[in-house]
Amino acid sequence: MMNRIATIILNRNLPVPTDRLYEHIVNIDGGLTDVYVLEAGSDIDKVSRYCTWHANDPHAQQNGLRYGRGMNYALLKLYQDKNWSKYDAFFLLTNDTELGAGSTLQPLLNVFNSHRKLGILSPCSQRWVNDIC
């Protein structure tokens, strides 16, 4: 059975922090999410060991894919792989994201479950969970 959340990590040429973030999410919230890594034009020797998709066309190799294009690429890949409808939510991260020691996704799910009409949730501070929950 797939998890309710698809987590997408955007990487370009920084495999060490990407791998660390991936492992943190899997270890802490692995029961809630499937984690995907998009290589946004990474050099072949700087690809995360957890790479799911590698955008390595000439444009991506030259310029990388910034957040918007990279996430659109990854979400399209989920759709093309017929995995889009399997998820209730998408958690989109850059590889330099730092998460706390506890669960990040359970508080997000709690907010979504409490507000049926909520479509987008974008935490923007360390205290966000204390301020709204």
C-alpha atoms as a PDB file:
ATOM      1  CA  MET A   1       0.000   0.000   0.000  1.00  0.00           C
ATOM      2  CA  MET A   2       1.270   3.468  -0.863  1.00  0.00           C
ATOM      3  CA  ASN A   3       1.431   6.250   1.674  1.00  0.00           C
ATOM      4  CA  ARG A   4      -0.896   9.257   1.665  1.00  0.00           C
ATOM      5  CA  ILE A   5       1.841  11.795   0.900  1.00  0.00           C
ATOM      6  CA  ALA A   6       4.349  12.017  -1.927  1.00  0.00           C
ATOM      7  CA  THR A   7       7.466  13.892  -0.842  1.00  0.00           C
ATOM      8  CA  ILE A   8       9.594  15.312  -3.642  1.00  0.00           C
ATOM      9  CA  ILE A   9      13.134  16.526  -2.995  1.00  0.00           C
ATOM     10  CA  LEU A  10      14.727  18.736  -5.653  1.00  0.00           C
ATOM     11  CA  ASN A  11      18.490  18.254  -6.018  1.00  0.00           C
ATOM     12  CA  ARG A  12      21.146  19.776  -8.199  1.00  0.00           C
ATOM     13  CA  ASN A  13      24.720  18.645  -7.617  1.00  0.00           C
ATOM     14  CA  LEU A  14      24.449  18.284  -3.822  1.00  0.00           C
ATOM     15  CA  PRO A  15      24.058  14.566  -3.132  1.00  0.00           C
ATOM     16  CA  VAL A  16      25.240  14.616   0.501  1.00  0.00           C
ATOM     17  CA  PRO A  17      22.553  16.970   1.900  1.00  0.00           C
ATOM     18  CA  THR A  18      19.976  15.398  -0.402  1.00  0.00           C
ATOM     19  CA  ASP A  19      20.766  11.898   0.866  1.00  0.00           C
ATOM     20  CA  ARG A  20      20.727  13.147   4.469  1.00  0.00           C
ATOM     21  CA  LEU A  21      17.306  14.796   3.989  1.00  0.00           C
ATOM     22  CA  TYR A  22      15.925  11.711   2.256  1.00  0.00           C
ATOM     23  CA  GLU A  23      17.124   9.436   5.074  1.00  0.00           C
ATOM     24  CA  HIS A  24      15.737  11.772   7.748  1.00  0.00           C
ATOM     25  CA  ILE A  25      12.292  11.782   6.144  1.00  0.00           C
ATOM     26  CA  VAL A  26      12.255   8.012   5.630  1.00  0.00           C
ATOM     27  CA  ASN A  27      13.414   7.367   9.213  1.00  0.00           C
ATOM     28  CA  ILE A  28      10.999   9.813  10.876  1.00  0.00           C
ATOM     29  CA  ASP A  29       7.965   9.929   8.563  1.00  0.00           C
ATOM     30  CA  GLY A  30       8.452   6.879   6.343  1.00  0.00           C
ATOM     31  CA  GLY A  31       5.092   5.470   7.400  1.00  0.00           C
ATOM     32  CA  LEU A  32       3.337   8.533   6.002  1.00  0.00           C
ATOM     33  CA  THR A  33       5.189   9.297   2.789  1.00  0.00           C
ATOM     34  CA  ASP A  34       6.873   7.935  -0.277  1.00  0.00           C
ATOM     35  CA  VAL A  35       9.975   9.973  -1.063  1.00  0.00           C
ATOM     36  CA  TYR A  36      11.092  10.845  -4.584  1.00  0.00           C
ATOM     37  CA  VAL A  37      14.257  12.682  -5.628  1.00  0.00           C
ATOM     38  CA  LEU A  38      14.420  14.746  -8.801  1.00  0.00           C
ATOM     39  CA  GLU A  39      17.863  15.470 -10.140  1.00  0.00           C
ATOM     40  CA  ALA A  40      17.424  18.870 -11.769  1.00  0.00           C
ATOM     41  CA  GLY A  41      20.330  18.840 -14.205  1.00  0.00           C
ATOM     42  CA  SER A  42      22.853  17.318 -11.801  1.00  0.00           C
ATOM     43  CA  ASP A  43      26.218  16.200 -13.123  1.00  0.00           C
ATOM     44  CA  ILE A  44      26.339  12.405 -13.331  1.00  0.00           C
ATOM     45  CA  ASP A  45      28.905  12.199 -10.503  1.00  0.00           C
ATOM     46  CA  LYS A  46      26.736  14.390  -8.226  1.00  0.00           C
ATOM     47  CA  VAL A  47      23.487  12.440  -8.336  1.00  0.00           C
ATOM     48  CA  SER A  48      21.828  11.369  -5.101  1.00  0.00           C
ATOM     49  CA  ARG A  49      21.944   7.653  -4.370  1.00  0.00           C
ATOM     50  CA  TYR A  50      18.141   7.923  -4.023  1.00  0.00           C
ATOM     51  CA  CYS A  51      17.551   9.469  -7.453  1.00  0.00           C
ATOM     52  CA  THR A  52      14.085   8.751  -8.829  1.00  0.00           C
ATOM     53  CA  TRP A  53      14.202  10.896 -11.972  1.00  0.00           C
ATOM     54  CA  HIS A  54      17.098  12.692 -13.640  1.00  0.00           C
ATOM     55  CA  ALA A  55      16.282  15.689 -15.811  1.00  0.00           C
ATOM     56  CA  ASN A  56      19.440  15.586 -17.896  1.00  0.00           C
ATOM     57  CA  ASP A  57      18.432  17.146 -21.186  1.00  0.00           C
ATOM     58  CA  PRO A  58      20.858  19.796 -22.498  1.00  0.00           C
ATOM     59  CA  HIS A  59      18.860  22.725 -21.079  1.00  0.00           C
ATOM     60  CA  ALA A  60      18.635  21.169 -17.605  1.00  0.00           C
ATOM     61  CA  GLN A  61      22.317  20.233 -17.677  1.00  0.00           C
ATOM     62  CA  GLN A  62      23.289  23.777 -18.630  1.00  0.00           C
ATOM     63  CA  ASN A  63      20.889  25.760 -16.428  1.00  0.00           C
ATOM     64  CA  GLY A  64      19.385  23.352 -13.904  1.00  0.00           C
ATOM     65  CA  LEU A  65      15.712  23.401 -13.092  1.00  0.00           C
ATOM     66  CA  ARG A  66      14.705  25.943 -10.495  1.00  0.00           C
ATOM     67  CA  TYR A  67      12.020  25.150  -7.948  1.00  0.00           C
ATOM     68  CA  GLY A  68       8.947  25.793 -10.124  1.00  0.00           C
ATOM     69  CA  ARG A  69      10.120  23.935 -13.224  1.00  0.00           C
ATOM     70  CA  GLY A  70      11.704  21.167 -11.168  1.00  0.00           C
ATOM     71  CA  MET A  71       8.563  20.486  -9.156  1.00  0.00           C
ATOM     72  CA  ASN A  72       6.390  20.660 -12.266  1.00  0.00           C
ATOM     73  CA  TYR A  73       8.714  18.116 -13.894  1.00  0.00           C
ATOM     74  CA  ALA A  74       8.500  15.785 -10.879  1.00  0.00           C
ATOM     75  CA  LEU A  75       4.723  16.110 -10.560  1.00  0.00           C
ATOM     76  CA  LEU A  76       4.370  15.360 -14.283  1.00  0.00           C
ATOM     77  CA  LYS A  77       6.532  12.257 -13.791  1.00  0.00           C
ATOM     78  CA  LEU A  78       4.245  11.100 -10.963  1.00  0.00           C
ATOM     79  CA  TYR A  79       1.288  11.563 -13.294  1.00  0.00           C
ATOM     80  CA  GLN A  80       2.990   9.763 -16.197  1.00  0.00           C
ATOM     81  CA  ASP A  81       3.950   6.894 -13.871  1.00  0.00           C
ATOM     82  CA  LYS A  82       0.254   6.653 -12.875  1.00  0.00           C
ATOM     83  CA  ASN A  83       1.051   7.524  -9.258  1.00  0.00           C
ATOM     84  CA  TRP A  84      -0.595  10.967  -9.057  1.00  0.00           C
ATOM     85  CA  SER A  85      -4.021   9.813  -7.849  1.00  0.00           C
ATOM     86  CA  LYS A  86      -2.519   7.541  -5.187  1.00  0.00           C
ATOM     87  CA  TYR A  87      -1.677  10.517  -2.968  1.00  0.00           C
ATOM     88  CA  ASP A  88      -3.755  12.901  -0.893  1.00  0.00           C
ATOM     89  CA  ALA A  89      -0.956  15.466  -0.571  1.00  0.00           C
ATOM     90  CA  PHE A  90       2.429  16.482  -1.970  1.00  0.00           C
ATOM     91  CA  PHE A  91       5.308  17.715   0.202  1.00  0.00           C
ATOM     92  CA  LEU A  92       7.773  19.654  -1.953  1.00  0.00           C
ATOM     93  CA  LEU A  93      11.293  20.351  -0.678  1.00  0.00           C
ATOM     94  CA  THR A  94      14.620  21.650  -1.855  1.00  0.00           C
ATOM     95  CA  ASN A  95      17.640  19.674  -0.744  1.00  0.00           C
ATOM     96  CA  ASP A  96      18.772  22.394   1.680  1.00  0.00           C
ATOM     97  CA  THR A  97      15.629  22.050   3.818  1.00  0.00           C
ATOM     98  CA  GLU A  98      16.332  21.392   7.481  1.00  0.00           C
ATOM     99  CA  LEU A  99      13.695  19.546   9.499  1.00  0.00           C
ATOM    100  CA  GLY A 100      13.359  19.107  13.242  1.00  0.00           C
ATOM    101  CA  ALA A 101      13.925  15.873  15.114  1.00  0.00           C
ATOM    102  CA  GLY A 102      10.248  14.929  15.331  1.00  0.00           C
ATOM    103  CA  SER A 103       7.645  14.232  12.711  1.00  0.00           C
ATOM    104  CA  THR A 104       7.104  16.986  10.185  1.00  0.00           C
ATOM    105  CA  LEU A 105       4.341  15.316   8.213  1.00  0.00           C
ATOM    106  CA  GLN A 106       1.996  14.245  11.021  1.00  0.00           C
ATOM    107  CA  PRO A 107       1.346  17.849  12.143  1.00  0.00           C
ATOM    108  CA  LEU A 108       0.716  18.794   8.500  1.00  0.00           C
ATOM    109  CA  LEU A 109      -1.734  15.913   8.121  1.00  0.00           C
ATOM    110  CA  ASN A 110      -3.461  16.948  11.342  1.00  0.00           C
ATOM    111  CA  VAL A 111      -4.038  20.436   9.938  1.00  0.00           C
ATOM    112  CA  PHE A 112      -5.335  19.043   6.636  1.00  0.00           C
ATOM    113  CA  ASN A 113      -7.630  16.611   8.440  1.00  0.00           C
ATOM    114  CA  SER A 114      -9.033  19.436  10.611  1.00  0.00           C
ATOM    115  CA  HIS A 115      -9.818  21.764   7.686  1.00  0.00           C
ATOM    116  CA  ARG A 116     -11.630  19.928   4.896  1.00  0.00           C
ATOM    117  CA  LYS A 117     -11.496  22.842   2.431  1.00  0.00           C
ATOM    118  CA  LEU A 118      -7.768  23.445   2.843  1.00  0.00           C
ATOM    119  CA  GLY A 119      -5.922  22.945  -0.432  1.00  0.00           C
ATOM    120  CA  ILE A 120      -2.452  24.386   0.133  1.00  0.00           C
ATOM    121  CA  LEU A 121      -0.489  24.531   3.366  1.00  0.00           C
ATOM    122  CA  SER A 122       2.883  26.250   3.395  1.00  0.00           C
ATOM    123  CA  PRO A 123       4.533  26.444   6.834  1.00  0.00           C
ATOM    124  CA  CYS A 124       6.793  29.478   7.024  1.00  0.00           C
ATOM    125  CA  SER A 125       8.369  29.498  10.474  1.00  0.00           C
ATOM    126  CA  GLN A 126       9.835  27.192  13.072  1.00  0.00           C
ATOM    127  CA  ARG A 127       6.819  27.777  15.324  1.00  0.00           C
ATOM    128  CA  TRP A 128       4.102  27.274  12.709  1.00  0.00           C
ATOM    129  CA  VAL A 129       2.722  24.127  14.290  1.00  0.00           C
ATOM    130  CA  ASN A 130       2.451  25.815  17.700  1.00  0.00           C
ATOM    131  CA  ASP A 131       0.758  28.856  16.199  1.00  0.00           C
ATOM    132  CA  ILE A 132      -1.999  27.030  14.300  1.00  0.00           C
ATOM    133  CA  CYS A 133      -2.520  23.718  16.075  1.00  0.00           C
END
